[in-house]
Amino acid sequence: KIRCNTCGTVFPTDQPTTIESVCDACAGV
């Protein structure tokens, strides 16, 4: 799982994440 520091939404993931990953909920980069 990953979490957005901006909106607090938690997502399941089985993929790599980076500093350029985009939040699906708030579109934060």
PDB file of all heavy atoms in Angstrom:
ATOM      1  N   LYS A   1       0.846  -1.192   0.000  1.00  0.00           N
ATOM      2  CA  LYS A   1       0.000   0.000   0.000  1.00  0.00           C
ATOM      3  C   LYS A   1       0.882   1.243   0.000  1.00  0.00           C
ATOM      4  O   LYS A   1       1.996   1.234   0.527  1.00  0.00           O
ATOM      5  CB  LYS A   1      -0.927   0.026   1.220  1.00  0.00           C
ATOM      6  CG  LYS A   1      -2.036  -1.007   1.175  1.00  0.00           C
ATOM      7  CD  LYS A   1      -2.972  -0.883   2.373  1.00  0.00           C
ATOM      8  CE  LYS A   1      -4.102  -1.912   2.304  1.00  0.00           C
ATOM      9  NZ  LYS A   1      -5.014  -1.809   3.486  1.00  0.00           N
ATOM     10  N   ILE A   2       0.373   2.312  -0.609  1.00  0.00           N
ATOM     11  CA  ILE A   2       1.042   3.608  -0.574  1.00  0.00           C
ATOM     12  C   ILE A   2       0.051   4.650  -0.063  1.00  0.00           C
ATOM     13  O   ILE A   2      -1.165   4.450  -0.123  1.00  0.00           O
ATOM     14  CB  ILE A   2       1.575   4.013  -1.963  1.00  0.00           C
ATOM     15  CG1 ILE A   2       0.462   3.921  -3.022  1.00  0.00           C
ATOM     16  CG2 ILE A   2       2.783   3.163  -2.347  1.00  0.00           C
ATOM     17  CD1 ILE A   2       0.878   4.437  -4.387  1.00  0.00           C
ATOM     18  N   ARG A   3       0.592   5.755   0.436  1.00  0.00           N
ATOM     19  CA  ARG A   3      -0.255   6.797   1.024  1.00  0.00           C
ATOM     20  C   ARG A   3       0.173   8.159   0.478  1.00  0.00           C
ATOM     21  O   ARG A   3       1.372   8.413   0.294  1.00  0.00           O
ATOM     22  CB  ARG A   3      -0.137   6.768   2.546  1.00  0.00           C
ATOM     23  CG  ARG A   3      -0.992   7.797   3.249  1.00  0.00           C
ATOM     24  CD  ARG A   3      -1.093   7.519   4.737  1.00  0.00           C
ATOM     25  NE  ARG A   3       0.053   7.976   5.503  1.00  0.00           N
ATOM     26  CZ  ARG A   3       0.904   7.184   6.134  1.00  0.00           C
ATOM     27  NH1 ARG A   3       0.766   5.866   6.052  1.00  0.00           N
ATOM     28  NH2 ARG A   3       1.890   7.690   6.828  1.00  0.00           N
ATOM     29  N   CYS A   4      -0.796   9.004   0.249  1.00  0.00           N
ATOM     30  CA  CYS A   4      -0.517  10.359  -0.220  1.00  0.00           C
ATOM     31  C   CYS A   4      -0.339  11.281   0.973  1.00  0.00           C
ATOM     32  O   CYS A   4      -1.234  11.393   1.824  1.00  0.00           O
ATOM     33  CB  CYS A   4      -1.656  10.858  -1.110  1.00  0.00           C
ATOM     34  SG  CYS A   4      -1.407  12.549  -1.705  1.00  0.00           S
ATOM     35  N   ASN A   5       0.795  11.964   1.031  1.00  0.00           N
ATOM     36  CA  ASN A   5       1.055  12.910   2.115  1.00  0.00           C
ATOM     37  C   ASN A   5       0.187  14.157   2.020  1.00  0.00           C
ATOM     38  O   ASN A   5       0.016  14.868   3.001  1.00  0.00           O
ATOM     39  CB  ASN A   5       2.532  13.328   2.111  1.00  0.00           C
ATOM     40  CG  ASN A   5       3.402  12.399   2.942  1.00  0.00           C
ATOM     41  OD1 ASN A   5       2.927  11.739   3.857  1.00  0.00           O
ATOM     42  ND2 ASN A   5       4.680  12.341   2.602  1.00  0.00           N
ATOM     43  N   THR A   6      -0.371  14.404   0.848  1.00  0.00           N
ATOM     44  CA  THR A   6      -1.175  15.610   0.657  1.00  0.00           C
ATOM     45  C   THR A   6      -2.622  15.399   1.065  1.00  0.00           C
ATOM     46  O   THR A   6      -3.172  16.145   1.872  1.00  0.00           O
ATOM     47  CB  THR A   6      -1.119  16.062  -0.813  1.00  0.00           C
ATOM     48  OG1 THR A   6       0.232  16.352  -1.167  1.00  0.00           O
ATOM     49  CG2 THR A   6      -1.967  17.316  -1.018  1.00  0.00           C
ATOM     50  N   CYS A   7      -3.262  14.348   0.525  1.00  0.00           N
ATOM     51  CA  CYS A   7      -4.690  14.145   0.804  1.00  0.00           C
ATOM     52  C   CYS A   7      -4.965  12.999   1.764  1.00  0.00           C
ATOM     53  O   CYS A   7      -6.100  12.817   2.207  1.00  0.00           O
ATOM     54  CB  CYS A   7      -5.460  13.932  -0.496  1.00  0.00           C
ATOM     55  SG  CYS A   7      -5.074  12.389  -1.376  1.00  0.00           S
ATOM     56  N   GLY A   8      -3.955  12.187   2.073  1.00  0.00           N
ATOM     57  CA  GLY A   8      -4.115  11.103   3.035  1.00  0.00           C
ATOM     58  C   GLY A   8      -4.715   9.834   2.482  1.00  0.00           C
ATOM     59  O   GLY A   8      -4.896   8.864   3.226  1.00  0.00           O
ATOM     60  N   THR A   9      -5.015   9.788   1.194  1.00  0.00           N
ATOM     61  CA  THR A   9      -5.604   8.601   0.591  1.00  0.00           C
ATOM     62  C   THR A   9      -4.595   7.456   0.553  1.00  0.00           C
ATOM     63  O   THR A   9      -3.420   7.670   0.253  1.00  0.00           O
ATOM     64  CB  THR A   9      -6.089   8.897  -0.843  1.00  0.00           C
ATOM     65  OG1 THR A   9      -6.981  10.014  -0.814  1.00  0.00           O
ATOM     66  CG2 THR A   9      -6.799   7.687  -1.440  1.00  0.00           C
ATOM     67  N   VAL A  10      -5.071   6.253   0.863  1.00  0.00           N
ATOM     68  CA  VAL A  10      -4.237   5.053   0.837  1.00  0.00           C
ATOM     69  C   VAL A  10      -4.660   4.196  -0.355  1.00  0.00           C
ATOM     70  O   VAL A  10      -5.857   3.983  -0.588  1.00  0.00           O
ATOM     71  CB  VAL A  10      -4.376   4.250   2.145  1.00  0.00           C
ATOM     72  CG1 VAL A  10      -3.577   2.952   2.077  1.00  0.00           C
ATOM     73  CG2 VAL A  10      -3.923   5.095   3.326  1.00  0.00           C
ATOM     74  N   PHE A  11      -3.670   3.720  -1.115  1.00  0.00           N
ATOM     75  CA  PHE A  11      -3.932   2.929  -2.308  1.00  0.00           C
ATOM     76  C   PHE A  11      -3.204   1.592  -2.221  1.00  0.00           C
ATOM     77  O   PHE A  11      -2.073   1.540  -1.749  1.00  0.00           O
ATOM     78  CB  PHE A  11      -3.402   3.631  -3.569  1.00  0.00           C
ATOM     79  CG  PHE A  11      -3.901   5.033  -3.777  1.00  0.00           C
ATOM     80  CD1 PHE A  11      -3.187   6.109  -3.275  1.00  0.00           C
ATOM     81  CD2 PHE A  11      -5.062   5.270  -4.485  1.00  0.00           C
ATOM     82  CE1 PHE A  11      -3.628   7.398  -3.475  1.00  0.00           C
ATOM     83  CE2 PHE A  11      -5.511   6.559  -4.695  1.00  0.00           C
ATOM     84  CZ  PHE A  11      -4.791   7.630  -4.184  1.00  0.00           C
ATOM     85  N   PRO A  12      -3.811   0.529  -2.726  1.00  0.00           N
ATOM     86  CA  PRO A  12      -3.043  -0.709  -2.913  1.00  0.00           C
ATOM     87  C   PRO A  12      -2.106  -0.543  -4.097  1.00  0.00           C
ATOM     88  O   PRO A  12      -2.425   0.173  -5.061  1.00  0.00           O
ATOM     89  CB  PRO A  12      -4.119  -1.758  -3.201  1.00  0.00           C
ATOM     90  CG  PRO A  12      -5.256  -0.972  -3.797  1.00  0.00           C
ATOM     91  CD  PRO A  12      -5.220   0.377  -3.139  1.00  0.00           C
ATOM     92  N   THR A  13      -0.942  -1.171  -4.049  1.00  0.00           N
ATOM     93  CA  THR A  13      -0.034  -1.123  -5.187  1.00  0.00           C
ATOM     94  C   THR A  13       0.869  -2.341  -5.211  1.00  0.00           C
ATOM     95  O   THR A  13       1.250  -2.853  -4.154  1.00  0.00           O
ATOM     96  CB  THR A  13       0.845   0.144  -5.168  1.00  0.00           C
ATOM     97  OG1 THR A  13       1.593   0.220  -6.393  1.00  0.00           O
ATOM     98  CG2 THR A  13       1.831   0.128  -4.003  1.00  0.00           C
ATOM     99  N   ASP A  14       1.157  -2.807  -6.408  1.00  0.00           N
ATOM    100  CA  ASP A  14       2.179  -3.832  -6.583  1.00  0.00           C
ATOM    101  C   ASP A  14       3.242  -3.330  -7.552  1.00  0.00           C
ATOM    102  O   ASP A  14       4.034  -4.108  -8.078  1.00  0.00           O
ATOM    103  CB  ASP A  14       1.569  -5.150  -7.085  1.00  0.00           C
ATOM    104  CG  ASP A  14       0.812  -4.993  -8.401  1.00  0.00           C
ATOM    105  OD1 ASP A  14       0.817  -3.876  -8.976  1.00  0.00           O
ATOM    106  OD2 ASP A  14       0.220  -5.985  -8.856  1.00  0.00           O
ATOM    107  N   GLN A  15       3.246  -2.007  -7.780  1.00  0.00           N
ATOM    108  CA  GLN A  15       4.154  -1.400  -8.732  1.00  0.00           C
ATOM    109  C   GLN A  15       5.188  -0.517  -8.030  1.00  0.00           C
ATOM    110  O   GLN A  15       4.953  -0.034  -6.926  1.00  0.00           O
ATOM    111  CB  GLN A  15       3.359  -0.541  -9.734  1.00  0.00           C
ATOM    112  CG  GLN A  15       2.359  -1.326 -10.557  1.00  0.00           C
ATOM    113  CD  GLN A  15       3.012  -2.395 -11.409  1.00  0.00           C
ATOM    114  OE1 GLN A  15       4.014  -2.133 -12.076  1.00  0.00           O
ATOM    115  NE2 GLN A  15       2.450  -3.598 -11.393  1.00  0.00           N
ATOM    116  N   PRO A  16       6.334  -0.265  -8.692  1.00  0.00           N
ATOM    117  CA  PRO A  16       7.325   0.657  -8.117  1.00  0.00           C
ATOM    118  C   PRO A  16       6.767   2.080  -8.019  1.00  0.00           C
ATOM    119  O   PRO A  16       5.900   2.477  -8.810  1.00  0.00           O
ATOM    120  CB  PRO A  16       8.486   0.594  -9.120  1.00  0.00           C
ATOM    121  CG  PRO A  16       8.276  -0.670  -9.887  1.00  0.00           C
ATOM    122  CD  PRO A  16       6.801  -0.882  -9.942  1.00  0.00           C
ATOM    123  N   THR A  17       7.253   2.839  -7.071  1.00  0.00           N
ATOM    124  CA  THR A  17       6.892   4.243  -6.937  1.00  0.00           C
ATOM    125  C   THR A  17       8.163   5.086  -6.977  1.00  0.00           C
ATOM    126  O   THR A  17       9.254   4.599  -6.657  1.00  0.00           O
ATOM    127  CB  THR A  17       6.143   4.517  -5.626  1.00  0.00           C
ATOM    128  OG1 THR A  17       6.946   4.078  -4.516  1.00  0.00           O
ATOM    129  CG2 THR A  17       4.807   3.778  -5.594  1.00  0.00           C
ATOM    130  N   THR A  18       8.017   6.351  -7.371  1.00  0.00           N
ATOM    131  CA  THR A  18       9.150   7.271  -7.440  1.00  0.00           C
ATOM    132  C   THR A  18       8.701   8.637  -6.945  1.00  0.00           C
ATOM    133  O   THR A  18       7.519   8.859  -6.636  1.00  0.00           O
ATOM    134  CB  THR A  18       9.669   7.423  -8.888  1.00  0.00           C
ATOM    135  OG1 THR A  18       8.718   8.185  -9.666  1.00  0.00           O
ATOM    136  CG2 THR A  18       9.878   6.057  -9.540  1.00  0.00           C
ATOM    137  N   ILE A  19       9.640   9.581  -6.923  1.00  0.00           N
ATOM    138  CA  ILE A  19       9.295  10.952  -6.528  1.00  0.00           C
ATOM    139  C   ILE A  19       8.441  11.631  -7.587  1.00  0.00           C
ATOM    140  O   ILE A  19       7.889  12.713  -7.336  1.00  0.00           O
ATOM    141  CB  ILE A  19      10.563  11.795  -6.250  1.00  0.00           C
ATOM    142  CG1 ILE A  19      11.461  11.834  -7.491  1.00  0.00           C
ATOM    143  CG2 ILE A  19      11.313  11.247  -5.045  1.00  0.00           C
ATOM    144  CD1 ILE A  19      12.642  12.777  -7.344  1.00  0.00           C
ATOM    145  N   GLU A  20       8.285  11.003  -8.737  1.00  0.00           N
ATOM    146  CA  GLU A  20       7.458  11.565  -9.799  1.00  0.00           C
ATOM    147  C   GLU A  20       6.086  10.895  -9.889  1.00  0.00           C
ATOM    148  O   GLU A  20       5.265  11.260 -10.732  1.00  0.00           O
ATOM    149  CB  GLU A  20       8.174  11.432 -11.147  1.00  0.00           C
ATOM    150  CG  GLU A  20       9.492  12.201 -11.211  1.00  0.00           C
ATOM    151  CD  GLU A  20      10.223  11.997 -12.513  1.00  0.00           C
ATOM    152  OE1 GLU A  20       9.790  11.126 -13.312  1.00  0.00           O
ATOM    153  OE2 GLU A  20      11.219  12.694 -12.752  1.00  0.00           O
ATOM    154  N   SER A  21       5.820   9.929  -9.008  1.00  0.00           N
ATOM    155  CA  SER A  21       4.523   9.249  -9.026  1.00  0.00           C
ATOM    156  C   SER A  21       3.402  10.235  -8.701  1.00  0.00           C
ATOM    157  O   SER A  21       3.572  11.160  -7.894  1.00  0.00           O
ATOM    158  CB  SER A  21       4.514   8.096  -8.034  1.00  0.00           C
ATOM    159  OG  SER A  21       5.437   7.099  -8.411  1.00  0.00           O
ATOM    160  N   VAL A  22       2.249  10.032  -9.334  1.00  0.00           N
ATOM    161  CA  VAL A  22       1.115  10.942  -9.197  1.00  0.00           C
ATOM    162  C   VAL A  22       0.021  10.281  -8.362  1.00  0.00           C
ATOM    163  O   VAL A  22      -0.325   9.113  -8.581  1.00  0.00           O
ATOM    164  CB  VAL A  22       0.552  11.321 -10.583  1.00  0.00           C
ATOM    165  CG1 VAL A  22      -0.657  12.243 -10.440  1.00  0.00           C
ATOM    166  CG2 VAL A  22       1.628  11.985 -11.429  1.00  0.00           C
ATOM    167  N   CYS A  23      -0.530  11.009  -7.418  1.00  0.00           N
ATOM    168  CA  CYS A  23      -1.642  10.507  -6.595  1.00  0.00           C
ATOM    169  C   CYS A  23      -2.904  10.428  -7.442  1.00  0.00           C
ATOM    170  O   CYS A  23      -3.313  11.407  -8.079  1.00  0.00           O
ATOM    171  CB  CYS A  23      -1.860  11.435  -5.402  1.00  0.00           C
ATOM    172  SG  CYS A  23      -3.305  11.001  -4.405  1.00  0.00           S
ATOM    173  N   ASP A  24      -3.548   9.266  -7.443  1.00  0.00           N
ATOM    174  CA  ASP A  24      -4.770   9.072  -8.224  1.00  0.00           C
ATOM    175  C   ASP A  24      -5.951   9.868  -7.669  1.00  0.00           C
ATOM    176  O   ASP A  24      -6.928  10.105  -8.382  1.00  0.00           O
ATOM    177  CB  ASP A  24      -5.145   7.590  -8.260  1.00  0.00           C
ATOM    178  CG  ASP A  24      -4.194   6.765  -9.105  1.00  0.00           C
ATOM    179  OD1 ASP A  24      -3.498   7.359  -9.962  1.00  0.00           O
ATOM    180  OD2 ASP A  24      -4.137   5.540  -8.907  1.00  0.00           O
ATOM    181  N   ALA A  25      -5.870  10.271  -6.401  1.00  0.00           N
ATOM    182  CA  ALA A  25      -6.993  10.969  -5.780  1.00  0.00           C
ATOM    183  C   ALA A  25      -6.907  12.487  -5.950  1.00  0.00           C
ATOM    184  O   ALA A  25      -7.880  13.130  -6.327  1.00  0.00           O
ATOM    185  CB  ALA A  25      -7.079  10.624  -4.299  1.00  0.00           C
ATOM    186  N   CYS A  26      -5.729  13.059  -5.681  1.00  0.00           N
ATOM    187  CA  CYS A  26      -5.616  14.525  -5.720  1.00  0.00           C
ATOM    188  C   CYS A  26      -4.704  15.027  -6.829  1.00  0.00           C
ATOM    189  O   CYS A  26      -4.526  16.238  -6.977  1.00  0.00           O
ATOM    190  CB  CYS A  26      -5.144  15.059  -4.377  1.00  0.00           C
ATOM    191  SG  CYS A  26      -3.406  14.673  -3.972  1.00  0.00           S
ATOM    192  N   ALA A  27      -4.100  14.095  -7.583  1.00  0.00           N
ATOM    193  CA  ALA A  27      -3.204  14.434  -8.702  1.00  0.00           C
ATOM    194  C   ALA A  27      -1.919  15.102  -8.251  1.00  0.00           C
ATOM    195  O   ALA A  27      -1.194  15.684  -9.065  1.00  0.00           O
ATOM    196  CB  ALA A  27      -3.919  15.302  -9.737  1.00  0.00           C
ATOM    197  N   GLY A  28      -1.614  15.011  -6.964  1.00  0.00           N
ATOM    198  CA  GLY A  28      -0.366  15.569  -6.477  1.00  0.00           C
ATOM    199  C   GLY A  28       0.824  14.772  -6.991  1.00  0.00           C
ATOM    200  O   GLY A  28       0.767  13.545  -7.084  1.00  0.00           O
ATOM    201  N   VAL A  29       1.897  15.475  -7.325  1.00  0.00           N
ATOM    202  CA  VAL A  29       3.110  14.837  -7.828  1.00  0.00           C
ATOM    203  C   VAL A  29       4.158  14.812  -6.716  1.00  0.00           C
ATOM    204  O   VAL A  29       4.395  15.828  -6.049  1.00  0.00           O
ATOM    205  CB  VAL A  29       3.672  15.596  -9.046  1.00  0.00           C
ATOM    206  CG1 VAL A  29       4.959  14.941  -9.538  1.00  0.00           C
ATOM    207  CG2 VAL A  29       2.640  15.644 -10.167  1.00  0.00           C
TER     208      VAL A  29
END
